[in-house]
Amino acid sequence: MKIPFISMGAIVLISGCTELIEPRASDASQSGMEQVGARFQVLRQNTDAVANYNLLQSRGEIKVLRADDSSLLIMNGVRLIQTVGLGLDLHSYHANVPAAQVQARFEAHYRHVKFQDQVGQLTLICGSQVSQAQPRIIDETCLGEDLKIENSFWFSHDGRRITKSRQWVSDEIGYLVILHP
């Protein structure tokens, strides 16, 4: 069963209105290379299911990716900010820090579907650090009540863009590993 307010959020973003989640100009250096139709390979880590998502639309830093099963991933730069049609979806993500930027401490807000008619909200305290290995990886750890989320962002060998990310969606879905074109 699809939840109307999530579908409406996706429709609003697809139609070009980004009032629900504002893009941040500071994420610009992390994306913008993809063209409509670009293919993103996505692994759902808890089931090992792999799906190909095509870039359906891009407005500023907001990208809407669609799979053959009509599920959607909505991203701000390289940050996953909403999912639709995967199950108990990520309704929204917000932090005042761009994805893949080293920040000692910041607050992140996740809203996700807990049950078919309930949305849970998590406020987590996060921090990130960069690995010394090549390719460079930024690991982001977020802690909350009985929850630890570990997102990661892999840079290209030249360090100019993100080529892979691992990002948490919800308890049911777990992590998605996204290969960025």
C-alpha atoms as a PDB file:
ATOM      1  CA  MET A   1       0.000   0.000   0.000  1.00  0.00           C
ATOM      2  CA  LYS A   2       1.413   3.382  -0.967  1.00  0.00           C
ATOM      3  CA  ILE A   3       1.098   6.258   1.423  1.00  0.00           C
ATOM      4  CA  PRO A   4      -0.422   9.338  -0.258  1.00  0.00           C
ATOM      5  CA  PHE A   5       1.726  12.007   1.406  1.00  0.00           C
ATOM      6  CA  ILE A   6       4.947  10.318   0.284  1.00  0.00           C
ATOM      7  CA  SER A   7       3.705   9.982  -3.285  1.00  0.00           C
ATOM      8  CA  MET A   8       2.571  13.607  -3.211  1.00  0.00           C
ATOM      9  CA  GLY A   9       6.033  14.673  -2.044  1.00  0.00           C
ATOM     10  CA  ALA A  10       7.588  12.914  -5.020  1.00  0.00           C
ATOM     11  CA  ILE A  11       5.058  14.443  -7.406  1.00  0.00           C
ATOM     12  CA  VAL A  12       5.822  17.913  -6.051  1.00  0.00           C
ATOM     13  CA  LEU A  13       9.556  17.391  -6.572  1.00  0.00           C
ATOM     14  CA  ILE A  14       9.077  15.936 -10.050  1.00  0.00           C
ATOM     15  CA  SER A  15       6.873  18.846 -11.053  1.00  0.00           C
ATOM     16  CA  GLY A  16       9.687  21.229 -10.234  1.00  0.00           C
ATOM     17  CA  CYS A  17       8.641  22.685  -6.913  1.00  0.00           C
ATOM     18  CA  THR A  18      11.397  22.167  -4.366  1.00  0.00           C
ATOM     19  CA  GLU A  19       9.667  23.818  -1.441  1.00  0.00           C
ATOM     20  CA  LEU A  20       9.511  20.565   0.537  1.00  0.00           C
ATOM     21  CA  ILE A  21      13.292  20.170   0.660  1.00  0.00           C
ATOM     22  CA  GLU A  22      15.459  23.046  -0.439  1.00  0.00           C
ATOM     23  CA  PRO A  23      18.633  22.283  -2.390  1.00  0.00           C
ATOM     24  CA  ARG A  24      21.877  23.604  -0.931  1.00  0.00           C
ATOM     25  CA  ALA A  25      24.312  25.346  -3.237  1.00  0.00           C
ATOM     26  CA  SER A  26      27.177  23.954  -1.154  1.00  0.00           C
ATOM     27  CA  ASP A  27      26.435  20.460  -2.522  1.00  0.00           C
ATOM     28  CA  ALA A  28      27.104  21.690  -6.080  1.00  0.00           C
ATOM     29  CA  SER A  29      30.669  20.442  -6.215  1.00  0.00           C
ATOM     30  CA  GLN A  30      29.494  16.906  -5.453  1.00  0.00           C
ATOM     31  CA  SER A  31      27.109  16.456  -8.387  1.00  0.00           C
ATOM     32  CA  GLY A  32      25.839  18.037 -11.547  1.00  0.00           C
ATOM     33  CA  MET A  33      27.787  15.807 -13.922  1.00  0.00           C
ATOM     34  CA  GLU A  34      24.867  13.477 -14.600  1.00  0.00           C
ATOM     35  CA  GLN A  35      22.554  13.893 -17.558  1.00  0.00           C
ATOM     36  CA  VAL A  36      18.888  12.860 -17.697  1.00  0.00           C
ATOM     37  CA  GLY A  37      18.899   9.122 -18.361  1.00  0.00           C
ATOM     38  CA  ALA A  38      22.180   8.552 -16.476  1.00  0.00           C
ATOM     39  CA  ARG A  39      22.173   5.144 -14.799  1.00  0.00           C
ATOM     40  CA  PHE A  40      22.738   4.623 -11.078  1.00  0.00           C
ATOM     41  CA  GLN A  41      23.209   1.072  -9.824  1.00  0.00           C
ATOM     42  CA  VAL A  42      21.691   0.532  -6.383  1.00  0.00           C
ATOM     43  CA  LEU A  43      22.218  -2.402  -4.014  1.00  0.00           C
ATOM     44  CA  ARG A  44      19.768  -2.963  -1.179  1.00  0.00           C
ATOM     45  CA  GLN A  45      22.274  -4.290   1.320  1.00  0.00           C
ATOM     46  CA  ASN A  46      19.919  -6.295   3.551  1.00  0.00           C
ATOM     47  CA  THR A  47      18.573  -8.400   0.639  1.00  0.00           C
ATOM     48  CA  ASP A  48      21.435  -8.129  -1.896  1.00  0.00           C
ATOM     49  CA  ALA A  49      18.851  -7.016  -4.470  1.00  0.00           C
ATOM     50  CA  VAL A  50      20.349  -4.847  -7.226  1.00  0.00           C
ATOM     51  CA  ALA A  51      18.326  -2.357  -9.268  1.00  0.00           C
ATOM     52  CA  ASN A  52      19.190   0.149 -11.942  1.00  0.00           C
ATOM     53  CA  TYR A  53      17.789   3.642 -11.509  1.00  0.00           C
ATOM     54  CA  ASN A  54      17.732   6.197 -14.302  1.00  0.00           C
ATOM     55  CA  LEU A  55      17.940   9.919 -13.715  1.00  0.00           C
ATOM     56  CA  LEU A  56      14.385  10.986 -14.476  1.00  0.00           C
ATOM     57  CA  GLN A  57      14.702  14.684 -13.729  1.00  0.00           C
ATOM     58  CA  SER A  58      17.150  17.131 -12.227  1.00  0.00           C
ATOM     59  CA  ARG A  59      16.350  20.596 -10.908  1.00  0.00           C
ATOM     60  CA  GLY A  60      19.331  22.312  -9.360  1.00  0.00           C
ATOM     61  CA  GLU A  61      20.823  19.829  -6.924  1.00  0.00           C
ATOM     62  CA  ILE A  62      17.600  17.830  -6.566  1.00  0.00           C
ATOM     63  CA  LYS A  63      17.660  14.607  -8.609  1.00  0.00           C
ATOM     64  CA  VAL A  64      14.803  12.163  -9.092  1.00  0.00           C
ATOM     65  CA  LEU A  65      15.880   8.617  -9.973  1.00  0.00           C
ATOM     66  CA  ARG A  66      13.389   5.981 -11.166  1.00  0.00           C
ATOM     67  CA  ALA A  67      13.707   2.197 -11.431  1.00  0.00           C
ATOM     68  CA  ASP A  68      11.770  -0.132 -13.722  1.00  0.00           C
ATOM     69  CA  ASP A  69       9.488  -1.043 -10.792  1.00  0.00           C
ATOM     70  CA  SER A  70       8.594   2.699 -10.512  1.00  0.00           C
ATOM     71  CA  SER A  71      10.316   3.113  -7.142  1.00  0.00           C
ATOM     72  CA  LEU A  72      11.975   6.495  -6.727  1.00  0.00           C
ATOM     73  CA  LEU A  73      15.099   7.798  -5.049  1.00  0.00           C
ATOM     74  CA  ILE A  74      15.291  11.538  -4.523  1.00  0.00           C
ATOM     75  CA  MET A  75      18.694  13.039  -3.882  1.00  0.00           C
ATOM     76  CA  ASN A  76      20.145  16.412  -2.986  1.00  0.00           C
ATOM     77  CA  GLY A  77      23.570  16.269  -4.577  1.00  0.00           C
ATOM     78  CA  VAL A  78      24.794  12.825  -3.533  1.00  0.00           C
ATOM     79  CA  ARG A  79      22.689  12.749  -0.337  1.00  0.00           C
ATOM     80  CA  LEU A  80      19.648  10.463  -0.375  1.00  0.00           C
ATOM     81  CA  ILE A  81      16.790  12.565   0.990  1.00  0.00           C
ATOM     82  CA  GLN A  82      13.677  10.538   0.136  1.00  0.00           C
ATOM     83  CA  THR A  83      12.613   7.119  -1.152  1.00  0.00           C
ATOM     84  CA  VAL A  84       9.245   6.095  -2.584  1.00  0.00           C
ATOM     85  CA  GLY A  85       7.984   2.573  -3.274  1.00  0.00           C
ATOM     86  CA  LEU A  86      10.649   0.549  -1.442  1.00  0.00           C
ATOM     87  CA  GLY A  87       8.496  -0.384   1.552  1.00  0.00           C
ATOM     88  CA  LEU A  88       8.792   1.525   4.811  1.00  0.00           C
ATOM     89  CA  ASP A  89      10.465   4.448   3.088  1.00  0.00           C
ATOM     90  CA  LEU A  90      12.668   7.350   4.083  1.00  0.00           C
ATOM     91  CA  HIS A  91      10.241  10.263   4.068  1.00  0.00           C
ATOM     92  CA  SER A  92      12.861  12.988   4.403  1.00  0.00           C
ATOM     93  CA  TYR A  93      16.398  13.701   5.545  1.00  0.00           C
ATOM     94  CA  HIS A  94      17.772  17.072   6.556  1.00  0.00           C
ATOM     95  CA  ALA A  95      21.091  18.227   7.959  1.00  0.00           C
ATOM     96  CA  ASN A  96      22.826  21.572   7.769  1.00  0.00           C
ATOM     97  CA  VAL A  97      25.947  19.878   6.405  1.00  0.00           C
ATOM     98  CA  PRO A  98      26.381  18.899   2.749  1.00  0.00           C
ATOM     99  CA  ALA A  99      26.948  15.215   2.050  1.00  0.00           C
ATOM    100  CA  ALA A 100      30.538  14.045   2.117  1.00  0.00           C
ATOM    101  CA  GLN A 101      31.849  17.067   3.987  1.00  0.00           C
ATOM    102  CA  VAL A 102      33.980  16.427   7.057  1.00  0.00           C
ATOM    103  CA  GLN A 103      32.239  17.888  10.079  1.00  0.00           C
ATOM    104  CA  ALA A 104      33.159  17.062  13.678  1.00  0.00           C
ATOM    105  CA  ARG A 105      29.583  17.290  14.969  1.00  0.00           C
ATOM    106  CA  PHE A 106      26.203  18.064  13.420  1.00  0.00           C
ATOM    107  CA  GLU A 107      22.539  17.256  13.862  1.00  0.00           C
ATOM    108  CA  ALA A 108      20.606  15.194  11.305  1.00  0.00           C
ATOM    109  CA  HIS A 109      16.835  14.771  11.102  1.00  0.00           C
ATOM    110  CA  TYR A 110      15.366  11.608   9.571  1.00  0.00           C
ATOM    111  CA  ARG A 111      11.648  11.139   9.012  1.00  0.00           C
ATOM    112  CA  HIS A 112      10.762   7.630   7.946  1.00  0.00           C
ATOM    113  CA  VAL A 113       7.677   5.469   7.686  1.00  0.00           C
ATOM    114  CA  LYS A 114       7.420   3.174  10.723  1.00  0.00           C
ATOM    115  CA  PHE A 115       4.116   1.530   9.845  1.00  0.00           C
ATOM    116  CA  GLN A 116       1.752   2.072   6.954  1.00  0.00           C
ATOM    117  CA  ASP A 117       0.136   5.044   8.647  1.00  0.00           C
ATOM    118  CA  GLN A 118       2.838   6.341  10.987  1.00  0.00           C
ATOM    119  CA  VAL A 119       5.906   8.454  10.416  1.00  0.00           C
ATOM    120  CA  GLY A 120       8.770   8.312  12.886  1.00  0.00           C
ATOM    121  CA  GLN A 121      11.140  11.195  13.400  1.00  0.00           C
ATOM    122  CA  LEU A 122      14.712  10.774  14.548  1.00  0.00           C
ATOM    123  CA  THR A 123      17.073  13.519  15.593  1.00  0.00           C
ATOM    124  CA  LEU A 124      20.598  12.159  15.601  1.00  0.00           C
ATOM    125  CA  ILE A 125      23.943  13.580  16.601  1.00  0.00           C
ATOM    126  CA  CYS A 126      26.428  12.905  13.817  1.00  0.00           C
ATOM    127  CA  GLY A 127      30.091  13.307  13.103  1.00  0.00           C
ATOM    128  CA  SER A 128      32.287  12.450  10.145  1.00  0.00           C
ATOM    129  CA  GLN A 129      35.897  11.647   9.466  1.00  0.00           C
ATOM    130  CA  VAL A 130      38.000  11.058   6.373  1.00  0.00           C
ATOM    131  CA  SER A 131      40.123   7.976   5.792  1.00  0.00           C
ATOM    132  CA  GLN A 132      43.787   8.311   4.900  1.00  0.00           C
ATOM    133  CA  ALA A 133      43.556   5.487   2.363  1.00  0.00           C
ATOM    134  CA  GLN A 134      43.030   5.976  -1.366  1.00  0.00           C
ATOM    135  CA  PRO A 135      40.411   6.332  -2.633  1.00  0.00           C
ATOM    136  CA  ARG A 136      39.391   8.723   0.103  1.00  0.00           C
ATOM    137  CA  ILE A 137      36.286   7.732   2.084  1.00  0.00           C
ATOM    138  CA  ILE A 138      34.259   9.923   4.378  1.00  0.00           C
ATOM    139  CA  ASP A 139      32.540   7.933   7.098  1.00  0.00           C
ATOM    140  CA  GLU A 140      29.609   9.555   8.845  1.00  0.00           C
ATOM    141  CA  THR A 141      28.344   8.126  12.142  1.00  0.00           C
ATOM    142  CA  CYS A 142      24.994   9.194  13.601  1.00  0.00           C
ATOM    143  CA  LEU A 143      23.805   8.198  17.067  1.00  0.00           C
ATOM    144  CA  GLY A 144      20.335   8.358  18.577  1.00  0.00           C
ATOM    145  CA  GLU A 145      18.178   6.400  20.993  1.00  0.00           C
ATOM    146  CA  ASP A 146      19.064   2.737  20.417  1.00  0.00           C
ATOM    147  CA  LEU A 147      20.235   3.487  16.873  1.00  0.00           C
ATOM    148  CA  LYS A 148      23.584   3.867  15.171  1.00  0.00           C
ATOM    149  CA  ILE A 149      23.715   4.822  11.489  1.00  0.00           C
ATOM    150  CA  GLU A 150      26.961   4.673   9.503  1.00  0.00           C
ATOM    151  CA  ASN A 151      26.864   6.336   6.089  1.00  0.00           C
ATOM    152  CA  SER A 152      29.906   6.367   3.804  1.00  0.00           C
ATOM    153  CA  PHE A 153      30.916   8.349   0.703  1.00  0.00           C
ATOM    154  CA  TRP A 154      33.747   7.174  -1.607  1.00  0.00           C
ATOM    155  CA  PHE A 155      35.606   9.722  -3.732  1.00  0.00           C
ATOM    156  CA  SER A 156      37.055   9.130  -7.179  1.00  0.00           C
ATOM    157  CA  HIS A 157      40.829   8.578  -7.310  1.00  0.00           C
ATOM    158  CA  ASP A 158      41.356  12.213  -8.309  1.00  0.00           C
ATOM    159  CA  GLY A 159      39.186  13.289  -5.326  1.00  0.00           C
ATOM    160  CA  ARG A 160      36.835  15.455  -7.414  1.00  0.00           C
ATOM    161  CA  ARG A 161      33.547  13.620  -7.068  1.00  0.00           C
ATOM    162  CA  ILE A 162      31.671  10.938  -5.175  1.00  0.00           C
ATOM    163  CA  THR A 163      31.534   7.616  -7.035  1.00  0.00           C
ATOM    164  CA  LYS A 164      29.819   5.456  -4.411  1.00  0.00           C
ATOM    165  CA  SER A 165      27.785   5.957  -1.268  1.00  0.00           C
ATOM    166  CA  ARG A 166      26.211   3.798   1.413  1.00  0.00           C
ATOM    167  CA  GLN A 167      23.223   5.483   3.055  1.00  0.00           C
ATOM    168  CA  TRP A 168      20.634   4.414   5.619  1.00  0.00           C
ATOM    169  CA  VAL A 169      16.949   4.525   4.672  1.00  0.00           C
ATOM    170  CA  SER A 170      14.920   2.911   7.487  1.00  0.00           C
ATOM    171  CA  ASP A 171      14.905  -0.070   9.826  1.00  0.00           C
ATOM    172  CA  GLU A 172      13.060  -2.229   7.280  1.00  0.00           C
ATOM    173  CA  ILE A 173      15.081  -1.228   4.227  1.00  0.00           C
ATOM    174  CA  GLY A 174      18.433  -0.800   5.907  1.00  0.00           C
ATOM    175  CA  TYR A 175      21.227   0.628   3.748  1.00  0.00           C
ATOM    176  CA  LEU A 176      21.350   1.366   0.036  1.00  0.00           C
ATOM    177  CA  VAL A 177      24.707   1.299  -1.732  1.00  0.00           C
ATOM    178  CA  ILE A 178      24.557   3.689  -4.690  1.00  0.00           C
ATOM    179  CA  LEU A 179      27.069   3.729  -7.534  1.00  0.00           C
ATOM    180  CA  HIS A 180      27.087   7.288  -8.879  1.00  0.00           C
ATOM    181  CA  PRO A 181      27.895   7.660 -12.614  1.00  0.00           C
END
